Amino acid sequence: MKKNPILYNTFGKVIKLMRLNKEMTQQELAEGADLSIRYVIAIEKGEQNPTLDVVYSLAKALDTSPSMIWKEVEIRCLSYRLSSDRLGAHPTLLREKAFASTHQRGLLSRWCRF
């Protein structure tokens, strides 16, 4: 099966946003999910494809459900595809534009409804 970097990157962004929304450090998330900090960092960067067990552990540490995580990922991936199809722009530029403002803590509550 072909890897989907957009999915991995989106999943990582969602985990990062949820973590920041809870005002947690990567270390705290790693400890809460019983994972190494290096693995959490790799997930947030979209470099790792976590198993279902890991998704469940992350959700528990973030005090949410795996379905909520996937809902956010699905919404962002759908939004990305619609923007990409409609605008015909370069996918990397669209992804950067879509997530640029989400790094600002003031907008986290607008992007993440937890």
C-alpha atoms as a PDB file:
ATOM      1  CA  MET A   1       0.000   0.000   0.000  1.00  0.00           C
ATOM      2  CA  LYS A   2       1.253   3.458  -0.897  1.00  0.00           C
ATOM      3  CA  LYS A   3       2.020   5.758   2.039  1.00  0.00           C
ATOM      4  CA  ASN A   4      -0.007   8.930   2.369  1.00  0.00           C
ATOM      5  CA  PRO A   5       2.259  11.744   3.669  1.00  0.00           C
ATOM      6  CA  ILE A   6      -0.666  14.157   3.880  1.00  0.00           C
ATOM      7  CA  LEU A   7      -2.425  11.805   6.287  1.00  0.00           C
ATOM      8  CA  TYR A   8       0.694  11.352   8.444  1.00  0.00           C
ATOM      9  CA  ASN A   9       1.381  15.098   8.528  1.00  0.00           C
ATOM     10  CA  THR A  10      -2.238  15.901   9.312  1.00  0.00           C
ATOM     11  CA  PHE A  11      -2.376  13.314  12.092  1.00  0.00           C
ATOM     12  CA  GLY A  12       0.792  14.779  13.586  1.00  0.00           C
ATOM     13  CA  LYS A  13      -0.572  18.326  13.408  1.00  0.00           C
ATOM     14  CA  VAL A  14      -3.794  17.260  15.128  1.00  0.00           C
ATOM     15  CA  ILE A  15      -1.876  15.539  17.940  1.00  0.00           C
ATOM     16  CA  LYS A  16       0.299  18.618  18.375  1.00  0.00           C
ATOM     17  CA  LEU A  17      -2.681  20.988  18.435  1.00  0.00           C
ATOM     18  CA  MET A  18      -4.514  18.821  20.956  1.00  0.00           C
ATOM     19  CA  ARG A  19      -1.395  18.697  23.127  1.00  0.00           C
ATOM     20  CA  LEU A  20      -0.957  22.484  22.978  1.00  0.00           C
ATOM     21  CA  ASN A  21      -4.648  22.989  23.682  1.00  0.00           C
ATOM     22  CA  LYS A  22      -4.167  20.968  26.884  1.00  0.00           C
ATOM     23  CA  GLU A  23      -1.033  23.014  27.629  1.00  0.00           C
ATOM     24  CA  MET A  24       1.069  19.842  27.737  1.00  0.00           C
ATOM     25  CA  THR A  25       4.705  19.439  26.811  1.00  0.00           C
ATOM     26  CA  GLN A  26       5.862  16.664  24.511  1.00  0.00           C
ATOM     27  CA  GLN A  27       7.481  15.048  27.548  1.00  0.00           C
ATOM     28  CA  GLU A  28       4.187  15.067  29.474  1.00  0.00           C
ATOM     29  CA  LEU A  29       2.345  13.562  26.519  1.00  0.00           C
ATOM     30  CA  ALA A  30       5.002  10.891  26.096  1.00  0.00           C
ATOM     31  CA  GLU A  31       4.836   9.957  29.772  1.00  0.00           C
ATOM     32  CA  GLY A  32       1.026   9.953  29.796  1.00  0.00           C
ATOM     33  CA  ALA A  33       0.879   7.720  26.728  1.00  0.00           C
ATOM     34  CA  ASP A  34       3.796   5.536  27.894  1.00  0.00           C
ATOM     35  CA  LEU A  35       5.807   6.374  24.770  1.00  0.00           C
ATOM     36  CA  SER A  36       9.290   7.725  24.213  1.00  0.00           C
ATOM     37  CA  ILE A  37       9.577  11.448  23.635  1.00  0.00           C
ATOM     38  CA  ARG A  38      11.409  10.758  20.365  1.00  0.00           C
ATOM     39  CA  TYR A  39       8.415   8.756  19.126  1.00  0.00           C
ATOM     40  CA  VAL A  40       5.982  11.544  20.072  1.00  0.00           C
ATOM     41  CA  ILE A  41       8.149  14.085  18.261  1.00  0.00           C
ATOM     42  CA  ALA A  42       8.272  11.846  15.167  1.00  0.00           C
ATOM     43  CA  ILE A  43       4.475  11.446  15.232  1.00  0.00           C
ATOM     44  CA  GLU A  44       3.963  15.207  15.477  1.00  0.00           C
ATOM     45  CA  LYS A  45       6.316  15.719  12.523  1.00  0.00           C
ATOM     46  CA  GLY A  46       4.406  13.149  10.453  1.00  0.00           C
ATOM     47  CA  GLU A  47       7.417  10.831  10.312  1.00  0.00           C
ATOM     48  CA  GLN A  48       5.775   7.876  12.082  1.00  0.00           C
ATOM     49  CA  ASN A  49       2.655   5.879  11.373  1.00  0.00           C
ATOM     50  CA  PRO A  50       1.311   4.999  14.833  1.00  0.00           C
ATOM     51  CA  THR A  51      -0.537   1.759  15.504  1.00  0.00           C
ATOM     52  CA  LEU A  52      -4.085   1.676  16.840  1.00  0.00           C
ATOM     53  CA  ASP A  53      -2.690   0.927  20.303  1.00  0.00           C
ATOM     54  CA  VAL A  54      -0.578   4.087  20.129  1.00  0.00           C
ATOM     55  CA  VAL A  55      -3.536   6.186  18.941  1.00  0.00           C
ATOM     56  CA  TYR A  56      -5.557   4.884  21.877  1.00  0.00           C
ATOM     57  CA  SER A  57      -2.701   5.697  24.301  1.00  0.00           C
ATOM     58  CA  LEU A  58      -2.347   9.201  22.869  1.00  0.00           C
ATOM     59  CA  ALA A  59      -6.088   9.782  23.140  1.00  0.00           C
ATOM     60  CA  LYS A  60      -6.113   8.650  26.752  1.00  0.00           C
ATOM     61  CA  ALA A  61      -3.161  10.912  27.603  1.00  0.00           C
ATOM     62  CA  LEU A  62      -4.909  13.829  25.868  1.00  0.00           C
ATOM     63  CA  ASP A  63      -8.168  13.095  27.709  1.00  0.00           C
ATOM     64  CA  THR A  64     -10.097  12.543  24.496  1.00  0.00           C
ATOM     65  CA  SER A  65     -11.216   9.622  22.356  1.00  0.00           C
ATOM     66  CA  PRO A  66      -9.522   8.061  19.339  1.00  0.00           C
ATOM     67  CA  SER A  67     -12.658   8.875  17.344  1.00  0.00           C
ATOM     68  CA  MET A  68     -12.264  12.583  18.153  1.00  0.00           C
ATOM     69  CA  ILE A  69      -8.675  12.478  16.912  1.00  0.00           C
ATOM     70  CA  TRP A  70      -9.725  10.787  13.679  1.00  0.00           C
ATOM     71  CA  LYS A  71     -12.623  13.204  13.241  1.00  0.00           C
ATOM     72  CA  GLU A  72     -10.210  16.144  13.337  1.00  0.00           C
ATOM     73  CA  VAL A  73      -7.826  14.379  10.948  1.00  0.00           C
ATOM     74  CA  GLU A  74     -10.675  13.607   8.549  1.00  0.00           C
ATOM     75  CA  ILE A  75     -11.959  17.188   8.590  1.00  0.00           C
ATOM     76  CA  ARG A  76      -8.496  18.581   7.876  1.00  0.00           C
ATOM     77  CA  CYS A  77      -7.746  16.053   5.134  1.00  0.00           C
ATOM     78  CA  LEU A  78     -11.089  16.734   3.460  1.00  0.00           C
ATOM     79  CA  SER A  79     -10.496  20.470   3.684  1.00  0.00           C
ATOM     80  CA  TYR A  80      -7.029  19.999   2.195  1.00  0.00           C
ATOM     81  CA  ARG A  81      -8.370  17.910  -0.719  1.00  0.00           C
ATOM     82  CA  LEU A  82     -11.144  20.401  -1.465  1.00  0.00           C
ATOM     83  CA  SER A  83      -8.690  23.303  -1.457  1.00  0.00           C
ATOM     84  CA  SER A  84      -6.232  21.393  -3.598  1.00  0.00           C
ATOM     85  CA  ASP A  85      -8.870  20.333  -6.140  1.00  0.00           C
ATOM     86  CA  ARG A  86     -10.566  23.702  -6.346  1.00  0.00           C
ATOM     87  CA  LEU A  87      -7.502  25.896  -6.472  1.00  0.00           C
ATOM     88  CA  GLY A  88      -5.137  23.601  -8.334  1.00  0.00           C
ATOM     89  CA  ALA A  89      -2.313  24.982  -6.227  1.00  0.00           C
ATOM     90  CA  HIS A  90       0.820  23.202  -5.117  1.00  0.00           C
ATOM     91  CA  PRO A  91      -0.123  20.804  -2.256  1.00  0.00           C
ATOM     92  CA  THR A  92       2.781  21.820  -0.015  1.00  0.00           C
ATOM     93  CA  LEU A  93       1.875  25.487  -0.223  1.00  0.00           C
ATOM     94  CA  LEU A  94      -1.752  24.735   0.574  1.00  0.00           C
ATOM     95  CA  ARG A  95      -0.787  22.619   3.583  1.00  0.00           C
ATOM     96  CA  GLU A  96       1.504  25.350   4.904  1.00  0.00           C
ATOM     97  CA  LYS A  97      -1.213  27.957   4.422  1.00  0.00           C
ATOM     98  CA  ALA A  98      -3.848  25.775   6.093  1.00  0.00           C
ATOM     99  CA  PHE A  99      -1.745  25.161   9.188  1.00  0.00           C
ATOM    100  CA  ALA A 100       0.230  28.407   9.434  1.00  0.00           C
ATOM    101  CA  SER A 101      -2.214  30.197  11.705  1.00  0.00           C
ATOM    102  CA  THR A 102      -2.919  27.134  13.839  1.00  0.00           C
ATOM    103  CA  HIS A 103       0.470  27.504  15.480  1.00  0.00           C
ATOM    104  CA  GLN A 104      -0.725  30.641  17.177  1.00  0.00           C
ATOM    105  CA  ARG A 105      -2.110  29.722  20.578  1.00  0.00           C
ATOM    106  CA  GLY A 106      -4.887  32.305  20.327  1.00  0.00           C
ATOM    107  CA  LEU A 107      -6.512  30.409  17.460  1.00  0.00           C
ATOM    108  CA  LEU A 108      -6.257  26.909  18.910  1.00  0.00           C
ATOM    109  CA  SER A 109      -9.756  26.949  20.348  1.00  0.00           C
ATOM    110  CA  ARG A 110     -11.188  27.945  16.975  1.00  0.00           C
ATOM    111  CA  TRP A 111      -9.412  25.125  15.129  1.00  0.00           C
ATOM    112  CA  CYS A 112      -9.802  22.422  17.758  1.00  0.00           C
ATOM    113  CA  ARG A 113     -13.195  21.854  19.296  1.00  0.00           C
ATOM    114  CA  PHE A 114     -12.457  19.487  22.157  1.00  0.00           C
END
